[in-house]
Protein backbone atom coordinates (compact mmCIF):
# COMPACT_ATOMS: atom_id res chain seq x y z
CA PHE A 1 -0.71 2.60 -24.13
CA PHE A 2 2.80 3.50 -22.77
CA LYS A 3 2.16 7.12 -22.93
CA GLN A 4 4.04 8.95 -20.29
CA LYS A 5 1.60 11.55 -18.03
CA THR A 6 3.13 14.66 -19.54
CA ALA A 7 1.89 17.63 -21.49
CA TYR A 8 3.83 16.36 -24.82
CA GLU A 9 4.49 12.88 -26.31
CA ILE A 10 8.14 11.39 -25.99
CA GLY A 11 9.47 8.16 -26.93
CA VAL A 12 9.43 5.30 -24.18
CA ARG A 13 11.14 2.17 -23.64
CA LEU A 14 9.36 -1.15 -22.45
CA VAL A 15 11.62 -4.13 -21.59
CA GLY A 16 14.08 -3.30 -24.00
CA SER A 17 12.14 -1.95 -27.03
CA GLU A 18 12.02 1.47 -28.56
CA MET A 19 8.74 2.47 -28.61
CA CYS A 20 7.37 5.53 -30.58
CA ILE A 21 4.10 7.42 -29.02
CA ARG A 22 1.29 7.43 -31.64
CA ASP A 23 -2.17 8.89 -31.66
CA ARG A 24 -4.42 7.11 -29.28
CA THR A 25 -7.54 6.93 -31.13
CA THR A 26 -8.67 3.59 -32.51
CA ILE A 27 -9.67 3.01 -35.98
CA ASN A 28 -12.52 0.82 -36.88
CA GLY A 29 -12.70 -0.70 -33.23
CA LYS A 30 -8.96 -1.62 -33.37
CA ALA A 31 -6.60 -1.57 -30.50
CA GLU A 32 -4.53 1.34 -29.47
CA ALA A 33 -1.80 -1.02 -28.12
CA ILE A 34 -1.25 -4.68 -27.78
CA VAL A 35 0.97 -6.31 -25.68
CA LYS A 36 2.52 -9.67 -27.05
CA ASN A 37 4.85 -12.56 -25.66
CA ALA A 38 4.05 -11.55 -22.18
CA ASN A 39 3.53 -13.72 -18.90
CA ILE A 40 0.07 -12.20 -17.95
CA MET A 41 -1.13 -13.39 -14.70
CA THR A 42 -4.89 -12.24 -15.18
CA MET A 43 -6.46 -13.07 -11.87
CA ASN A 44 -9.34 -14.25 -13.39
CA THR A 45 -10.06 -17.92 -12.50
CA LEU A 46 -11.56 -18.80 -15.76
CA LYS A 47 -8.38 -17.93 -17.72
CA PRO A 48 -5.64 -17.37 -15.14
CA ARG A 49 -2.88 -16.95 -17.47
CA ALA A 50 -2.54 -15.27 -20.85
CA GLN A 51 0.30 -14.27 -23.40
CA SER A 52 -0.99 -11.10 -24.79
CA LEU A 53 -3.73 -8.27 -24.13
CA ALA A 54 -5.19 -5.26 -26.21
CA ILE A 55 -6.08 -1.70 -24.80
CA ALA A 56 -8.33 1.14 -25.99
CA HIS A 57 -9.50 4.02 -24.38
CA GLY A 58 -8.24 2.81 -21.09
CA ARG A 59 -9.64 -0.47 -20.91
CA PHE A 60 -8.64 -4.12 -21.88
CA ILE A 61 -10.47 -5.03 -25.06
CA GLY A 62 -8.75 -8.58 -25.62
CA VAL A 63 -7.15 -10.95 -23.54
CA GLY A 64 -5.67 -14.28 -24.44
CA SER A 65 -2.96 -15.48 -26.85
CA ASN A 66 -0.90 -13.84 -29.55
CA GLU A 67 -3.36 -15.10 -31.97
CA ASP A 68 -6.49 -14.32 -29.96
CA VAL A 69 -5.75 -10.62 -30.02
CA GLU A 70 -4.26 -10.34 -33.63
CA GLY A 71 -7.53 -8.88 -35.12
CA LEU A 72 -7.43 -6.37 -33.14
CA ILE A 73 -4.15 -5.13 -34.67
CA GLY A 74 -4.98 -1.90 -37.12
CA PRO A 75 -2.57 0.78 -38.64
CA GLY A 76 -2.51 2.78 -35.72
CA THR A 77 -2.09 0.17 -33.13
CA GLN A 78 1.36 -0.08 -31.02
CA VAL A 79 2.70 -3.59 -30.70
CA VAL A 80 4.51 -4.17 -27.84
CA ASP A 81 6.78 -7.17 -27.43
CA ALA A 82 7.17 -7.99 -23.51
CA PHE A 83 9.76 -10.82 -24.03
CA GLY A 84 8.35 -12.95 -21.61
CA LYS A 85 8.19 -10.42 -18.52
CA THR A 86 5.44 -10.87 -15.98
CA VAL A 87 2.43 -8.70 -15.96
CA LEU A 88 -0.38 -8.24 -13.31
CA PRO A 89 -3.22 -6.41 -12.60
CA GLY A 90 -2.33 -2.85 -11.00
CA PHE A 91 -1.79 -3.69 -7.34
CA ILE A 92 -4.52 -2.26 -4.86
CA ASP A 93 -3.97 -1.33 -1.02
CA GLY A 94 -6.81 -1.68 0.83
CA HIS A 95 -6.07 0.58 3.70
CA ILE A 96 -3.28 3.11 3.45
CA HIS A 97 -2.98 6.59 4.79
CA VAL A 98 -2.15 8.36 1.61
CA LEU A 99 -2.46 12.07 1.38
CA ASN A 100 -1.65 12.62 5.38
CA SER A 101 1.46 10.67 4.82
CA GLY A 102 2.61 12.59 1.77
CA VAL A 103 1.86 15.75 3.84
CA ARG A 104 3.82 14.57 6.60
CA HIS A 105 6.65 13.63 4.27
CA VAL A 106 6.45 17.20 3.36
CA MET A 107 6.42 19.22 6.56
CA ALA A 108 7.28 16.67 9.51
CA ALA A 109 10.45 15.26 10.18
CA ASP A 110 10.92 11.82 9.22
CA CYS A 111 11.78 9.79 12.60
CA ASP A 112 12.52 6.38 11.12
CA VAL A 113 16.02 6.48 12.13
CA PRO A 114 18.17 4.13 14.31
CA THR A 115 19.02 6.62 17.09
CA LEU A 116 17.67 9.07 19.33
CA LYS A 117 20.27 11.48 18.51
CA GLN A 118 19.44 11.25 14.87
CA VAL A 119 15.64 11.82 15.86
CA GLN A 120 16.56 14.83 17.86
CA ALA A 121 18.68 16.12 14.98
CA GLY A 122 15.65 16.12 12.58
CA LEU A 123 13.41 17.68 14.82
CA ARG A 124 15.88 20.32 15.69
CA GLU A 125 16.12 20.94 11.93
CA ARG A 126 12.62 21.61 11.41
CA ALA A 127 12.43 23.82 14.61
CA GLU A 128 15.04 25.90 13.29
CA LYS A 129 12.83 26.56 10.31
CA THR A 130 9.67 27.19 12.29
CA PRO A 131 8.95 30.48 14.09
CA ALA A 132 8.98 30.58 17.89
CA GLY A 133 5.85 29.27 19.31
CA GLY A 134 5.01 27.26 16.04
CA TRP A 135 4.20 23.38 16.33
CA VAL A 136 7.22 21.16 15.25
CA GLN A 137 6.18 17.59 13.85
CA GLY A 138 7.55 14.32 13.38
CA PHE A 139 6.31 10.85 12.42
CA LYS A 140 7.11 7.18 12.09
CA PHE A 141 9.10 7.08 15.22
CA ASP A 142 9.30 3.56 16.62
CA ASP A 143 10.40 2.55 19.98
CA THR A 144 11.58 -0.92 19.39
CA LYS A 145 14.00 0.17 16.66
CA THR A 146 15.50 3.04 18.26
CA ASP A 147 18.64 2.64 20.01
CA ARG A 148 17.90 -1.02 19.49
CA THR A 149 20.97 -3.28 20.30
CA LEU A 150 21.67 -6.72 21.40
CA LEU A 151 21.09 -5.97 24.80
CA ASN A 152 18.76 -3.13 24.40
CA GLU A 153 15.30 -3.83 23.00
CA GLY A 154 14.78 0.15 21.90
CA ARG A 155 13.22 3.06 23.91
CA HIS A 156 10.16 5.42 23.82
CA LEU A 157 10.62 9.10 23.43
CA TYR A 158 10.03 11.19 26.75
CA ARG A 159 9.26 15.26 27.32
CA GLU A 160 12.95 15.26 28.42
CA ASP A 161 14.28 14.20 25.06
CA LEU A 162 12.11 16.64 23.35
CA ASP A 163 12.59 19.36 25.78
CA ALA A 164 16.40 18.96 24.66
CA VAL A 165 15.30 19.97 21.03
CA THR A 166 13.40 22.97 21.87
CA LYS A 167 11.87 24.65 24.52
CA ASP A 168 10.52 27.62 22.46
CA HIS A 169 8.12 25.51 20.11
CA PRO A 170 5.57 22.59 21.00
CA ILE A 171 6.81 19.45 19.60
CA LEU A 172 4.20 16.44 18.61
CA VAL A 173 6.16 13.26 17.41
CA ALA A 174 3.87 10.39 15.96
CA HIS A 175 4.76 6.73 16.59
CA ARG A 176 4.89 5.13 13.46
CA ALA A 177 1.66 3.04 14.66
CA GLY A 178 -0.08 6.33 14.76
CA HIS A 179 -1.63 5.68 18.20
CA VAL A 180 0.88 7.04 20.62
CA PHE A 181 2.39 10.30 20.44
CA TYR A 182 5.24 12.43 22.37
CA MET A 183 5.17 15.67 23.38
CA ASN A 184 7.59 18.38 24.91
CA THR A 185 6.79 20.28 27.81
CA ALA A 186 5.41 23.08 25.74
CA GLY A 187 3.56 20.54 23.96
CA LEU A 188 1.73 19.26 26.89
CA GLU A 189 1.03 22.77 28.34
CA ALA A 190 -0.37 23.86 24.92
CA ALA A 191 -2.62 20.89 24.99
CA GLY A 192 -3.55 21.81 28.66
CA TYR A 193 -2.30 18.62 30.38
CA ASN A 194 -0.55 18.62 33.65
CA ASP A 195 0.44 16.18 36.46
CA GLU A 196 -3.13 16.57 37.85
CA THR A 197 -4.91 16.05 34.56
CA PRO A 198 -7.08 12.65 34.52
CA ASP A 199 -7.22 10.09 31.28
CA PRO A 200 -9.51 11.49 28.74
CA PRO A 201 -12.38 9.12 27.75
CA GLY A 202 -10.85 6.82 25.13
CA GLY A 203 -7.14 7.67 25.95
CA ARG A 204 -4.62 7.82 28.27
CA LEU A 205 -1.56 10.09 29.40
CA GLY A 206 1.63 8.59 30.02
CA ARG A 207 3.07 8.98 33.56
CA ASP A 208 6.34 8.31 35.48
CA PRO A 209 5.51 5.26 37.54
CA ASP A 210 7.21 6.42 40.77
CA THR A 211 6.30 10.07 40.64
CA GLY A 212 3.17 10.17 38.62
CA ARG A 213 4.48 13.01 36.50
CA LEU A 214 3.54 13.43 32.85
CA ASN A 215 6.20 11.78 30.88
CA GLY A 216 5.23 13.10 27.42
CA MET A 217 3.54 10.33 26.08
CA VAL A 218 -0.19 10.69 25.11
CA PHE A 219 -2.23 7.84 23.90
CA GLU A 220 -5.30 7.17 21.69
CA ARG A 221 -8.28 10.06 21.71
CA ALA A 222 -6.27 12.10 24.43
CA ILE A 223 -4.50 13.78 21.44
CA ASP A 224 -7.56 14.52 19.27
CA HIS A 225 -7.96 17.82 20.34
CA VAL A 226 -4.27 18.58 19.62
CA ARG A 227 -4.36 17.14 16.08
CA PHE A 228 -7.78 18.15 14.93
CA GLY A 229 -7.80 21.67 17.05
CA LEU A 230 -4.65 23.10 17.98
CA ILE A 231 -2.19 22.33 15.04
CA PRO A 232 -3.08 24.55 12.11
CA VAL A 233 -4.50 22.80 9.20
CA GLU A 234 -1.79 22.59 6.20
CA THR A 235 -1.90 24.91 3.61
CA GLU A 236 -3.44 23.94 0.10
CA GLU A 237 0.03 24.30 -1.26
CA THR A 238 1.45 21.66 1.11
CA ARG A 239 -1.17 19.41 0.41
CA ARG A 240 -0.77 19.37 -3.27
CA GLU A 241 2.90 19.24 -2.87
CA GLY A 242 2.08 15.93 -0.71
CA LEU A 243 -0.09 14.70 -3.15
CA LYS A 244 2.57 14.58 -5.73
CA THR A 245 5.05 13.17 -3.29
CA ILE A 246 2.97 10.30 -2.27
CA CYS A 247 1.69 9.49 -5.71
CA ASP A 248 5.21 9.09 -6.73
CA MET A 249 6.13 6.83 -3.87
CA LEU A 250 3.20 4.64 -4.37
CA ASN A 251 3.21 4.43 -8.22
CA ARG A 252 6.86 3.32 -8.06
CA VAL A 253 5.98 -0.01 -6.10
CA GLY A 254 3.07 -1.03 -8.51
CA LEU A 255 0.36 0.64 -6.71
CA THR A 256 -2.56 2.03 -9.15
CA SER A 257 -5.46 1.67 -6.53
CA VAL A 258 -5.56 2.95 -2.72
CA HIS A 259 -8.29 3.01 -0.17
CA ASP A 260 -7.22 6.00 2.02
CA ALA A 261 -7.95 5.22 5.51
CA ARG A 262 -8.86 8.72 6.93
CA VAL A 263 -9.83 11.54 4.77
CA THR A 264 -10.50 14.90 5.44
CA ALA A 265 -12.83 17.51 4.14
CA GLU A 266 -9.90 19.51 3.15
CA GLU A 267 -7.81 16.26 1.85
CA PHE A 268 -10.93 15.35 -0.22
CA GLN A 269 -10.92 18.80 -1.78
CA THR A 270 -6.87 18.39 -2.68
CA TYR A 271 -7.77 15.01 -4.30
CA GLN A 272 -10.31 16.82 -6.39
CA ASP A 273 -7.98 19.77 -7.37
CA GLY A 274 -5.08 17.27 -8.21
CA LYS A 275 -7.60 15.05 -10.30
CA ALA A 276 -8.73 18.04 -12.30
CA ASP A 277 -5.13 19.05 -12.82
CA GLY A 278 -3.76 15.78 -13.77
CA GLU A 279 -1.66 15.23 -10.80
CA LEU A 280 -3.67 12.34 -9.39
CA SER A 281 -2.07 9.18 -10.62
CA LEU A 282 -3.68 6.80 -8.12
CA ARG A 283 -7.25 5.46 -8.06
CA VAL A 284 -8.47 6.73 -4.49
CA TYR A 285 -11.48 5.02 -2.68
CA ALA A 286 -11.60 7.71 0.13
CA LEU A 287 -12.69 6.22 3.59
CA MET A 288 -13.94 9.56 5.13
CA TRP A 289 -13.10 10.44 8.64
CA TYR A 290 -16.27 10.21 10.92
CA PRO A 291 -16.50 13.96 11.77
CA GLN A 292 -17.75 14.47 8.06
CA PHE A 293 -20.47 11.74 8.24
CA PRO A 294 -23.34 14.28 9.15
CA ALA A 295 -22.34 16.79 6.04
CA LEU A 296 -22.24 14.02 3.78
CA ARG A 297 -25.43 12.41 4.94
CA ASP A 298 -27.25 15.64 4.99
CA ALA A 299 -26.22 16.25 1.49
CA GLY A 300 -27.97 13.01 0.37
CA ILE A 301 -24.38 11.38 -0.42
CA LYS A 302 -23.73 7.54 0.08
CA SER A 303 -20.76 5.26 -0.28
CA GLY A 304 -19.65 5.09 -4.05
CA LEU A 305 -20.23 8.62 -5.07
CA GLY A 306 -17.53 9.61 -7.78
CA ASP A 307 -15.92 8.07 -10.66
CA ASP A 308 -12.87 5.63 -11.59
CA MET A 309 -10.19 8.05 -10.35
CA LEU A 310 -11.91 9.23 -7.00
CA ARG A 311 -14.67 7.84 -4.99
CA ILE A 312 -16.31 8.48 -1.52
CA GLY A 313 -15.82 5.22 0.28
CA GLY A 314 -17.01 4.25 3.65
CA ILE A 315 -16.91 6.03 6.87
CA LYS A 316 -13.76 5.31 9.12
CA MET A 317 -13.74 5.18 12.87
CA VAL A 318 -11.16 3.88 15.47
CA ALA A 319 -12.43 1.61 18.20
CA ASP A 320 -9.16 0.56 20.10
CA GLY A 321 -5.40 0.86 19.94
CA ALA A 322 -2.64 -0.52 17.81
CA ILE A 323 -0.59 -3.43 17.23
CA ALA A 324 2.76 -1.77 16.80
CA THR A 325 2.33 0.15 19.77
CA ARG A 326 0.86 -2.89 21.76
CA THR A 327 -2.47 -0.91 22.68
CA ALA A 328 -4.79 -3.22 20.78
CA TYR A 329 -7.74 -4.06 23.13
CA LEU A 330 -7.20 -8.14 23.85
CA SER A 331 -9.20 -10.66 25.77
CA GLU A 332 -6.16 -11.91 27.55
CA PRO A 333 -3.28 -9.44 28.81
CA TYR A 334 -0.15 -8.94 26.94
CA GLU A 335 2.68 -11.37 27.26
CA GLY A 336 4.80 -10.13 30.57
CA SER A 337 1.73 -8.60 31.91
CA MET A 338 -1.16 -9.53 34.52
CA CYS A 339 -3.55 -6.80 33.73
CA ASP A 340 -2.51 -4.74 30.53
CA HIS A 341 -5.25 -5.53 27.98
CA GLY A 342 -4.72 -2.73 25.85
CA ILE A 343 -7.06 0.59 25.22
CA LEU A 344 -10.49 0.71 24.08
CA ALA A 345 -11.08 3.85 22.42
CA MET A 346 -14.84 3.78 21.93
CA GLU A 347 -17.62 2.04 24.30
CA GLN A 348 -20.01 -0.13 22.90
CA ASP A 349 -22.83 2.49 23.12
CA GLU A 350 -20.97 4.77 20.98
CA ILE A 351 -20.07 2.11 18.56
CA GLU A 352 -23.41 1.22 18.22
CA GLN A 353 -25.10 4.32 17.80
CA ARG A 354 -22.67 5.48 15.17
CA VAL A 355 -23.12 2.22 13.33
CA ILE A 356 -26.58 2.41 13.07
CA ASP A 357 -26.96 5.88 12.08
CA MET A 358 -24.21 5.26 9.19
CA HIS A 359 -25.86 1.92 8.13
CA ARG A 360 -29.28 3.51 8.04
CA ALA A 361 -27.89 6.32 5.92
CA GLY A 362 -26.56 4.07 3.03
CA PHE A 363 -22.73 3.92 3.94
CA GLN A 364 -20.23 1.44 4.20
CA VAL A 365 -18.91 1.63 7.83
CA CYS A 366 -15.21 1.09 8.50
CA ILE A 367 -13.88 0.58 12.03
CA HIS A 368 -10.54 0.14 12.99
CA ALA A 369 -10.42 -2.97 15.42
CA ASN A 370 -7.46 -5.10 16.33
CA GLY A 371 -8.15 -6.87 19.40
CA ASP A 372 -10.38 -9.75 19.52
CA LEU A 373 -12.44 -7.95 22.23
CA THR A 374 -12.95 -4.90 19.93
CA ILE A 375 -13.62 -6.99 16.98
CA ASP A 376 -16.40 -8.82 19.10
CA MET A 377 -17.95 -5.26 19.97
CA VAL A 378 -18.01 -4.12 16.22
CA LEU A 379 -19.67 -7.50 15.07
CA THR A 380 -22.28 -6.98 17.56
CA ALA A 381 -23.03 -3.34 16.22
CA TYR A 382 -23.22 -4.54 12.62
CA GLU A 383 -25.68 -7.26 13.65
CA LYS A 384 -27.69 -4.85 15.38
CA ALA A 385 -27.79 -2.24 12.59
CA GLN A 386 -28.34 -4.94 10.12
CA LYS A 387 -31.40 -6.51 12.11
CA ALA A 388 -32.73 -2.74 12.87
CA TYR A 389 -32.77 -1.86 9.16
CA PRO A 390 -31.83 -4.60 6.76
CA ARG A 391 -29.60 -3.79 3.64
CA SER A 392 -28.04 -6.19 1.05
CA ASP A 393 -24.55 -6.25 0.19
CA THR A 394 -23.09 -3.63 2.81
CA ARG A 395 -19.72 -4.98 2.55
CA HIS A 396 -18.79 -3.43 6.09
CA ARG A 397 -15.37 -3.80 7.26
CA ILE A 398 -13.28 -4.30 9.95
CA GLU A 399 -10.06 -2.24 9.41
CA HIS A 400 -6.95 -4.55 10.53
CA CYS A 401 -9.02 -7.23 12.03
CA THR A 402 -5.73 -8.58 13.61
CA LEU A 403 -6.86 -11.17 16.26
CA VAL A 404 -9.43 -13.44 15.49
CA ASN A 405 -11.01 -16.76 16.34
CA PRO A 406 -13.44 -19.17 14.77
CA GLU A 407 -16.56 -17.70 16.44
CA LEU A 408 -15.72 -14.13 15.07
CA LEU A 409 -14.90 -15.54 11.68
CA ALA A 410 -18.48 -17.22 11.26
CA ARG A 411 -20.06 -14.21 12.42
CA MET A 412 -18.24 -12.35 9.65
CA LYS A 413 -18.95 -14.62 6.96
CA ALA A 414 -22.80 -14.51 7.86
CA LEU A 415 -22.47 -10.72 7.76
CA GLY A 416 -20.52 -10.44 4.69
CA VAL A 417 -17.66 -8.18 6.51
CA ILE A 418 -14.71 -7.47 5.05
CA ALA A 419 -11.43 -7.63 6.79
CA THR A 420 -8.11 -5.43 5.96
CA PRO A 421 -5.28 -7.12 7.57
CA PHE A 422 -1.61 -5.84 8.17
CA CYS A 423 0.15 -7.53 5.49
CA THR A 424 3.88 -6.41 5.95
CA TYR A 425 3.76 -6.50 9.70
CA VAL A 426 5.01 -9.77 10.32
CA TYR A 427 8.19 -8.94 8.15
CA HIS A 428 8.72 -5.50 9.22
CA HIS A 429 7.64 -5.94 13.19
CA GLY A 430 8.69 -9.12 13.76
CA GLU A 431 10.55 -7.88 17.00
CA LYS A 432 7.39 -6.72 18.72
CA MET A 433 5.52 -10.20 18.13
CA ARG A 434 6.86 -11.41 21.29
CA TYR A 435 4.34 -9.20 23.23
CA TYR A 436 1.60 -11.29 21.82
CA GLY A 437 3.14 -14.82 22.04
CA GLU A 438 3.20 -17.68 19.76
CA HIS A 439 -0.40 -19.01 20.39
CA ARG A 440 -1.90 -15.67 19.73
CA LEU A 441 0.11 -15.31 16.44
CA GLU A 442 -1.34 -18.46 15.12
CA TRP A 443 -4.72 -16.12 14.83
CA MET A 444 -3.33 -12.97 14.07
CA PHE A 445 -2.97 -11.24 10.43
CA ALA A 446 -5.25 -14.42 9.77
CA GLN A 447 -4.99 -14.55 6.01
CA ARG A 448 -5.23 -18.29 5.82
CA SER A 449 -8.24 -18.62 7.91
CA PHE A 450 -10.04 -15.68 6.30
CA ILE A 451 -9.87 -17.54 3.14
CA ASP A 452 -10.77 -20.89 4.70
CA ALA A 453 -13.79 -19.42 6.14
CA GLY A 454 -15.05 -17.57 3.28
CA VAL A 455 -14.53 -14.13 4.50
CA VAL A 456 -13.04 -11.64 2.13
CA SER A 457 -9.75 -10.01 2.98
CA THR A 458 -7.39 -7.48 1.12
CA GLY A 459 -3.77 -6.79 0.99
CA ALA A 460 -3.08 -3.71 3.05
CA THR A 461 -0.31 -2.16 4.70
CA ASP A 462 -1.56 1.18 6.95
CA TYR A 463 1.45 3.08 6.04
CA PRO A 464 3.02 4.79 7.85
CA PRO A 465 2.69 2.15 10.59
CA GLY A 466 3.52 -0.82 7.75
CA PRO A 467 5.82 -0.43 4.77
CA PHE A 468 3.82 0.17 1.76
CA GLU A 469 5.36 -2.03 -0.89
CA PRO A 470 3.05 -4.74 -2.05
CA LEU A 471 5.47 -7.28 -2.88
CA LEU A 472 6.76 -7.12 0.64
CA GLY A 473 3.25 -7.78 1.92
CA ILE A 474 2.83 -10.44 -0.55
CA GLN A 475 6.05 -12.15 0.57
CA SER A 476 5.19 -11.61 4.40
CA CYS A 477 2.07 -13.43 3.88
CA VAL A 478 3.29 -16.32 2.00
CA THR A 479 6.47 -16.88 4.17
CA ARG A 480 5.01 -15.52 7.83
CA THR A 481 8.60 -14.87 8.08
CA ASP A 482 10.36 -11.73 9.78
CA SER A 483 13.60 -9.63 8.74
CA THR A 484 15.54 -11.88 11.08
CA GLY A 485 14.23 -15.22 9.57
CA LYS A 486 11.94 -16.06 12.52
CA GLU A 487 8.57 -17.59 11.47
CA TRP A 488 5.50 -16.40 13.32
CA GLY A 489 1.96 -18.19 13.10
CA ILE A 490 3.07 -20.60 9.97
CA ASN A 491 -0.55 -22.08 9.89
CA GLN A 492 -1.75 -18.48 8.41
CA LYS A 493 0.56 -19.04 5.33
CA VAL A 494 -1.18 -18.52 1.91
CA SER A 495 0.11 -19.57 -1.52
CA ILE A 496 1.45 -16.94 -3.91
CA GLU A 497 -1.46 -16.84 -6.00
CA GLU A 498 -3.74 -16.11 -2.83
CA ALA A 499 -1.54 -13.26 -1.66
CA LEU A 500 -1.64 -11.75 -5.23
CA ARG A 501 -5.67 -12.12 -5.08
CA LEU A 502 -5.62 -10.17 -2.00
CA TYR A 503 -3.67 -7.31 -3.62
CA THR A 504 -5.70 -7.19 -6.50
CA LEU A 505 -9.38 -8.50 -6.92
CA ASN A 506 -9.85 -8.54 -3.17
CA GLY A 507 -9.08 -4.95 -2.89
CA ALA A 508 -11.47 -4.00 -5.71
CA TYR A 509 -14.19 -5.95 -4.15
CA ALA A 510 -13.68 -4.20 -0.78
CA SER A 511 -14.55 -0.92 -2.37
CA PHE A 512 -17.40 -2.40 -4.76
CA GLU A 513 -15.28 -2.07 -7.68
CA GLU A 514 -14.71 -5.80 -8.45
CA LYS A 515 -16.47 -5.52 -12.00
CA ILE A 516 -14.37 -2.61 -13.20
CA LYS A 517 -10.73 -3.69 -11.73
CA GLY A 518 -8.69 -6.22 -9.86
CA SER A 519 -8.05 -8.53 -12.95
CA ILE A 520 -6.97 -8.26 -16.40
CA GLU A 521 -10.40 -8.89 -18.09
CA VAL A 522 -11.89 -7.33 -21.17
CA GLY A 523 -14.19 -4.48 -20.28
CA LYS A 524 -11.99 -3.64 -17.02
CA LEU A 525 -9.80 -0.69 -16.65
CA ALA A 526 -6.24 -1.22 -18.08
CA ASP A 527 -4.20 -1.12 -14.83
CA LEU A 528 -0.92 -3.05 -14.88
CA VAL A 529 2.20 -3.44 -13.02
CA VAL A 530 5.31 -5.15 -15.08
CA LEU A 531 7.45 -6.92 -12.95
CA ALA A 532 11.12 -8.18 -13.79
CA SER A 533 10.53 -11.85 -12.61
CA ASP A 534 7.31 -13.93 -11.83
CA PRO A 535 6.71 -14.17 -8.22
CA THR A 536 5.75 -17.83 -8.39
CA LYS A 537 9.13 -18.59 -10.11
CA VAL A 538 11.55 -17.19 -7.15
CA ASP A 539 12.28 -18.01 -3.88
CA PRO A 540 9.29 -16.74 -1.76
CA LEU A 541 11.80 -15.03 0.44
CA GLY A 542 12.97 -13.13 -2.45
CA ILE A 543 9.62 -11.95 -3.63
CA LYS A 544 10.38 -8.43 -1.89
CA ASP A 545 13.28 -7.54 -4.23
CA ILE A 546 11.57 -8.39 -7.46
CA GLN A 547 12.05 -5.21 -9.48
CA VAL A 548 9.00 -3.17 -10.64
CA GLU A 549 9.61 -1.90 -14.18
CA ARG A 550 6.59 -0.07 -15.09
CA THR A 551 3.29 0.75 -13.49
CA ILE A 552 0.19 1.72 -15.69
CA VAL A 553 -2.91 3.29 -14.95
CA GLY A 554 -5.71 3.40 -17.42
CA GLY A 555 -3.18 2.47 -20.04
CA GLU A 556 -0.84 5.55 -19.25
CA THR A 557 2.41 5.00 -17.65
CA VAL A 558 2.52 6.38 -14.23
CA TYR A 559 6.18 4.88 -13.12
CA GLU A 560 9.10 3.65 -15.24
CA SER A 561 12.22 2.29 -13.87
């Protein structure tokens, strides 16, 4: 049960008890391991709390009181006293960029630093290790958190800032939201952009408002030919290192399953290789990037192919901009603007044609749509696809689904569409909320409204755009309070139990896996997180500070504090 995922057996400690690893085989149907005297929150509405659980072959074979599972103890069973520690189903992030983030942590400068000078220093360090002419990359830059003071609301990066780093390398820095990018002069030239270049379809080029000169900012699909054409694909060695890095980062915070929100063919191969070599310690539901769709369709593949560790999920597309960069496509202008409604990355005709093709081929469709106008467009496409080619239980998704209204919620309910809202945004990006205004925040990240309307929504962070810690996401959904203590859209608060369900059973439902995980029930996968405190018993503003003591996937420890 608490066997570490290593090539040899070692003694481990759980909540104060020394345990000796034993043979994992069962004897006469008895349990391999039993945990007793625990505070188990099962997420099973028929039995919400339990005291003990039993595991064999990576699944639960008993859940109940100490007495209920006592009959499953055999001569080879490990019996672990939890001493009242809190045990939950392993957390599931319903929308997060997993392998790509791990790769960035390996080969790009982390620009999540407070000053421009530190951003430049990190990029300069990368440039010094890169042959002349090679691309230098950075990620997680945040304009509202860089050089921010009481009198200064932060700043963007501009080509002059990056030219000061190097003129011998093209530079590409991604905003934390992932929908705005920053380039130096060499990068713009490599991309084929000059002051006379018109804005590409589905994108925009940033310009000096006085001169019209390119300022180095590149929005939405205007960067696609650079990211997926000019910049070399990472080596397999880099991707494997990135996989190990990100698995460790996410296991540490209690994540056992993830929906990777944009997977390329090369990345899926890395997942397969990592799984074969025992390096994959997360269960992955892969949302395949839409250029992979024709090959998948022609091979006869549909959503769901795979096993309990790695599965082909839906097809991912992006229809509008981002919340953190204030480019989501909104029906009303952003606060302080008379005409800025954001950026639409896909026109209605393109959305509808792609949705119909994917829906007809048997895939779950997963479209990034933040603004209310974009959500309306996506729902129209789903409605037309379903009318033309009826299917049962499609569970199409709207990724983020940020700004909603009662009419949109009713249509989502009728279609069975799933939402994956940002859960850590209110806390982490509170300083950006003023661009949307108090009235809109009453309908943004609308977990309360989703629940009340009967729409399934998940826990999701979209990392890197939002911090990936599930307990932070749970706190943010429960309190709707940012890091400075200001509340936003308090009508959307949910209970702690509801927030936990978002991060467990609802996440499993969004990948058609609610029958095998998401709750602690007999027959389900033994994915667990052990917490130092009960989230329902602490100050809600302290949920994020609860220590994750152990993360367990299929009965094996993948993280121990």
